Protein backbone atom coordinates (compact mmCIF):
# COMPACT_ATOMS: atom_id res chain seq x y z
CA MET A 1 0.00 0.00 0.00
CA GLU A 2 1.92 2.94 -1.26
CA ASN A 3 -0.67 5.50 -0.13
CA LYS A 4 -0.08 5.24 3.62
CA VAL A 5 2.62 6.30 6.03
CA LEU A 6 2.96 5.16 9.64
CA GLN A 7 2.84 7.77 12.39
CA ARG A 8 4.75 7.51 15.66
CA ASN A 9 1.79 5.71 17.27
CA GLU A 10 1.83 3.21 14.38
CA LEU A 11 -1.62 4.15 13.09
CA PRO A 12 -1.54 4.77 9.32
CA VAL A 13 -2.02 8.21 7.79
CA ILE A 14 -4.20 7.90 4.70
CA LYS A 15 -2.89 10.07 1.87
CA ALA A 16 -5.46 9.09 -0.80
CA GLY A 17 -8.87 7.45 -0.95
CA LEU A 18 -9.10 3.74 -0.36
CA GLY A 19 -11.20 0.99 -1.91
CA LYS A 20 -12.91 -1.73 0.12
CA ARG A 21 -10.09 -4.25 -0.47
CA GLN A 22 -7.48 -1.72 0.63
CA ILE A 23 -9.55 -0.87 3.71
CA ALA A 24 -9.88 -4.58 4.56
CA ALA A 25 -6.12 -5.07 4.18
CA LEU A 26 -5.36 -1.98 6.26
CA ALA A 27 -7.80 -3.13 8.97
CA GLY A 28 -6.17 -6.56 9.02
CA GLN A 29 -2.70 -5.02 9.31
CA THR A 30 -3.91 -2.74 12.10
CA VAL A 31 -5.39 -5.65 14.08
CA ASP A 32 -2.20 -7.65 13.48
CA GLY A 33 -0.25 -4.73 14.94
CA VAL A 34 -2.57 -4.54 17.95
CA MET A 35 -2.08 -8.26 18.58
CA GLU A 36 1.64 -7.61 18.92
CA ALA A 37 1.22 -4.44 21.01
CA ASP A 38 0.85 -4.08 24.77
CA SER A 39 -2.78 -2.93 24.61
CA ALA A 40 -5.78 -2.71 22.29
CA LEU A 41 -7.27 0.18 24.29
CA PRO A 42 -5.76 3.10 22.32
CA LEU A 43 -7.05 1.70 19.02
CA ALA A 44 -10.50 0.98 20.48
CA GLU A 45 -10.74 4.56 21.74
CA ALA A 46 -9.49 5.96 18.42
CA ILE A 47 -12.09 3.95 16.49
CA ALA A 48 -14.88 5.19 18.77
CA ALA A 49 -13.70 8.77 18.28
CA MET A 50 -13.54 8.33 14.49
CA GLU A 51 -17.05 6.86 14.43
CA GLU A 52 -18.42 9.78 16.44
CA PHE A 53 -16.55 12.24 14.21
CA ALA A 54 -17.98 10.66 11.04
CA LYS A 55 -21.49 10.65 12.53
CA GLN A 56 -21.26 14.33 13.48
CA VAL A 57 -19.94 15.40 10.06
CA ARG A 58 -22.50 13.32 8.12
CA LYS A 59 -25.43 14.80 10.02
CA ASP A 60 -24.27 18.42 9.63
CA GLU A 61 -26.63 19.94 7.04
CA ARG A 62 -23.96 22.40 5.90
CA PHE A 63 -21.70 19.52 4.88
CA VAL A 64 -24.54 17.59 3.23
CA ASP A 65 -25.68 20.67 1.28
CA ARG A 66 -22.15 21.49 0.16
CA LEU A 67 -21.48 17.93 -0.96
CA ARG A 68 -24.82 17.71 -2.81
CA ASP A 69 -24.03 20.99 -4.59
CA GLU A 70 -20.64 19.67 -5.71
CA ILE A 71 -22.17 16.43 -6.98
CA ILE A 72 -24.93 18.33 -8.79
CA MET A 73 -22.24 20.37 -10.57
CA HIS A 74 -21.11 17.01 -12.03
CA ASN A 75 -24.61 16.13 -13.33
CA GLY A 76 -25.65 14.40 -10.09
CA ARG A 77 -23.03 11.67 -10.29
CA MET A 78 -19.25 11.55 -10.02
CA HIS A 79 -16.27 9.33 -9.24
CA THR A 80 -13.29 10.32 -7.12
CA ALA A 81 -9.69 9.69 -8.17
CA SER A 82 -9.63 6.60 -5.93
CA GLY A 83 -12.79 5.21 -7.54
CA ALA A 84 -15.48 6.11 -4.98
CA LYS A 85 -18.85 6.84 -6.61
CA LEU A 86 -20.96 9.73 -5.33
CA GLU A 87 -24.56 10.31 -6.38
CA VAL A 88 -27.37 12.62 -5.40
CA THR A 89 -30.24 10.48 -4.19
CA GLU A 90 -33.56 10.84 -2.45
CA ALA A 91 -33.67 9.25 0.98
CA ALA A 92 -36.16 8.98 3.81
CA VAL A 93 -39.25 9.25 1.60
CA GLN A 94 -42.31 9.10 3.83
CA TYR A 95 -45.96 8.40 3.13
CA ASP A 96 -48.83 9.25 5.49
CA TYR A 97 -51.31 6.38 5.39
CA ALA A 98 -53.21 7.41 8.53
CA GLN A 99 -56.18 8.81 6.59
CA ASP A 100 -57.01 5.33 5.23
CA GLY A 101 -59.44 3.35 7.42
CA GLY A 102 -58.15 -0.05 6.28
CA TRP A 103 -54.59 0.93 7.11
CA ARG A 104 -55.62 2.15 10.58
CA ALA A 105 -57.53 -1.09 11.26
CA LEU A 106 -54.53 -3.22 10.26
CA THR A 107 -52.23 -1.05 12.37
CA GLN A 108 -54.46 -1.59 15.43
CA GLN A 109 -54.42 -5.36 14.85
CA ILE A 110 -50.64 -5.33 14.48
CA GLU A 111 -50.23 -3.30 17.70
CA ALA A 112 -52.53 -5.72 19.57
CA LEU A 113 -50.55 -8.71 18.27
CA MET A 114 -47.24 -7.05 19.18
CA GLU A 115 -48.50 -6.39 22.72
CA ALA A 116 -49.63 -10.02 23.03
CA ARG A 117 -46.21 -11.14 21.81
CA ARG A 118 -44.41 -8.91 24.34
CA GLU A 119 -46.56 -10.34 27.15
CA LEU A 120 -45.85 -13.93 26.03
CA GLU A 121 -42.12 -13.20 25.77
CA ALA A 122 -42.12 -11.77 29.30
CA LYS A 123 -43.94 -14.87 30.58
CA LEU A 124 -41.52 -17.20 28.75
CA ARG A 125 -38.47 -15.30 30.07
CA SER A 126 -39.72 -15.94 33.61
CA ILE A 127 -39.34 -19.70 33.01
CA ALA A 128 -35.81 -21.12 33.27
CA PRO A 129 -34.37 -22.27 29.92
CA GLY A 130 -35.40 -25.84 29.14
CA LYS A 131 -37.89 -26.01 32.06
CA MET A 132 -41.60 -26.68 31.58
CA TRP A 133 -44.40 -24.68 33.19
CA VAL A 134 -48.13 -25.38 33.18
CA ASP A 135 -50.68 -22.57 33.44
CA HIS A 136 -53.20 -24.09 35.89
CA GLU A 137 -56.01 -21.84 34.63
CA THR A 138 -55.69 -22.68 30.92
CA GLY A 139 -53.74 -25.94 30.99
CA GLU A 140 -51.25 -24.39 28.56
CA VAL A 141 -47.77 -25.90 28.73
CA LEU A 142 -44.90 -23.48 28.20
CA GLU A 143 -41.18 -24.14 27.93
CA GLY A 144 -38.49 -21.64 28.91
CA PRO A 145 -36.66 -20.21 25.89
CA GLN A 146 -33.02 -20.94 25.19
CA LYS A 147 -30.83 -17.99 26.02
CA SER A 148 -27.57 -16.95 24.41
CA SER A 149 -25.36 -13.91 24.43
CA ARG A 150 -22.06 -12.74 23.08
CA SER A 151 -19.51 -10.84 25.07
CA THR A 152 -18.21 -7.64 23.47
CA TYR A 153 -17.20 -4.19 24.70
CA ARG A 154 -18.64 -0.70 24.98
CA ILE A 155 -16.82 2.62 24.86
CA THR A 156 -18.39 5.84 26.09
CA LEU A 157 -16.48 8.90 24.98
CA SER A 158 -16.15 11.80 27.39
CA LYS A 159 -18.22 14.90 26.63
């Protein structure tokens, strides 16, 4: 990868745009470096900060408007030197169906079914996994759901 240079902290400085394969290779190299380092904490914090930075920039209307204007100047579609494609597109189209009686009736049925499902899930969660329980009023036999989880991490950036 001739378009990167390592800084003192061994994180790469990107000098040009990257494609998905280059990003995957760079990510792999970065994780390999972390595996040899004393700690993964600095990289985890840097990634969280970069994600927050990207989120803040992408939601800033000034940036979005400026970028849209630049793309429009190129007939609504353009490619960068590194091959990224940018297009003006419509997003978040919304329709208001609330005035239709049939739609409202279906929505009420869906909400009632969702509430019944939430109640059943709460009842099932109260039964130990793999154990059976009989509702003495209805005779219904319920079995506790299997439970699984995956351990990961969370980073909360300071304000």
